Protein backbone atom coordinates (compact mmCIF):
# COMPACT_ATOMS: atom_id res chain seq x y z
CA MET A 1 0.00 0.00 0.00
CA LYS A 2 1.41 3.38 -1.00
CA ARG A 3 0.74 6.30 1.32
CA MET A 4 1.53 9.93 0.84
CA PHE A 5 1.03 12.96 3.05
CA GLU A 6 1.62 16.67 2.84
CA THR A 7 3.09 18.87 5.54
CA TYR A 8 4.32 22.38 6.10
CA GLN A 9 7.04 21.07 8.43
CA PRO A 10 9.48 18.80 6.57
CA GLU A 11 11.93 19.07 9.44
CA THR A 12 9.54 17.05 11.65
CA ILE A 13 10.43 13.95 9.64
CA GLN A 14 13.47 12.39 11.32
CA PRO A 15 15.67 10.72 8.67
CA ASN A 16 18.26 9.90 11.36
CA ASN A 17 15.76 7.85 13.35
CA ILE A 18 16.75 4.44 11.97
CA THR A 19 14.85 1.64 13.62
CA VAL A 20 15.45 -2.06 13.82
CA PRO A 21 12.87 -4.83 13.36
CA ASN A 22 10.68 -4.89 16.44
CA VAL A 23 7.37 -5.93 17.96
CA PHE A 24 5.62 -3.07 19.75
CA ASN A 25 2.06 -2.50 21.00
CA GLY A 26 0.69 -5.40 19.00
CA MET A 27 2.52 -4.40 15.79
CA CYS A 28 5.08 -6.67 14.12
CA LEU A 29 7.48 -4.18 12.50
CA ILE A 30 9.56 -6.10 9.97
CA ARG A 31 8.85 -4.21 6.70
CA ARG A 32 11.13 -1.35 5.63
CA TYR A 33 9.80 1.90 4.16
CA ARG A 34 11.36 4.72 2.22
CA VAL A 35 10.01 8.22 2.75
CA THR A 36 10.70 10.87 0.12
CA ILE A 37 10.10 14.54 0.84
CA GLU A 38 9.87 17.04 -1.96
CA GLU A 39 8.65 20.60 -2.05
CA ILE A 40 5.27 21.04 -3.70
CA LYS A 41 5.89 23.78 -6.24
CA GLU A 42 3.29 26.53 -6.01
CA THR A 43 3.10 29.92 -7.68
CA SER A 44 4.21 33.06 -5.86
CA ASP A 45 0.58 34.24 -5.90
CA VAL A 46 -0.51 31.19 -3.87
CA LEU A 47 2.35 31.64 -1.39
CA ILE A 48 1.69 35.38 -1.05
CA LYS A 49 -2.01 34.79 -0.37
CA ARG A 50 -1.19 32.13 2.21
CA LEU A 51 1.32 34.43 3.90
CA TYR A 52 -1.13 37.38 3.97
CA ASP A 53 -3.82 35.09 5.45
CA LEU A 54 -1.41 33.89 8.11
CA TYR A 55 -0.19 37.41 8.87
CA ASN A 56 -3.71 38.82 9.10
CA LYS A 57 -4.72 36.04 11.53
CA LYS A 58 -1.55 36.21 13.64
CA GLN A 59 -3.33 37.49 16.77
CA GLU A 60 -6.11 34.93 16.43
CA LEU A 61 -3.56 32.14 15.94
CA GLY A 62 -1.36 33.35 18.81
CA ILE A 63 1.57 34.22 16.54
CA THR A 64 2.93 37.09 18.61
CA HIS A 65 6.59 36.28 19.26
CA THR A 66 8.94 38.77 17.61
CA ASP A 67 11.00 36.01 15.96
CA ASN A 68 7.88 34.63 14.27
CA ILE A 69 6.86 38.05 12.96
CA ARG A 70 10.42 38.54 11.65
CA ALA A 71 10.28 35.15 9.95
CA MET A 72 7.07 36.11 8.15
CA ARG A 73 8.57 39.44 7.09
CA ARG A 74 11.70 37.67 5.78
CA GLU A 75 9.55 35.29 3.77
CA ALA A 76 7.55 38.24 2.44
CA LYS A 77 10.77 39.94 1.35
CA ASN A 78 11.81 36.73 -0.45
CA LEU A 79 8.45 36.85 -2.25
CA GLY A 80 8.94 40.52 -3.18
CA ILE A 81 6.27 41.97 -0.88
CA ASN A 82 6.31 43.97 2.35
CA LEU A 83 4.30 43.10 5.46
CA MET A 84 3.55 45.96 7.86
C-alpha cells in the first residue's frame, strides 16, 4: 500500500531515526519503508495569499513572538512583498 502525506514542516520527519525490526504495542514491524520529501511547487501568488492570510490572523492564531513576525517578514521579502 502506497501512502503519501503533505506537511508544512518537513523538518519534523526524522531521517536519522533508523529503527530495527521490532514488535511493539501489537505491531510486528519487519517491513522497511522509504520516505521521500519534496517541495510542492506553487506559484508566488498562492504563497503570497497564504502568507497574507497567516499574517492577518496572527493574533487569532497566537503568533505574537517577535522572531515569528520577523520570519514572516523575511519570507515576504523573499516573495517581493512587504508586510507591515
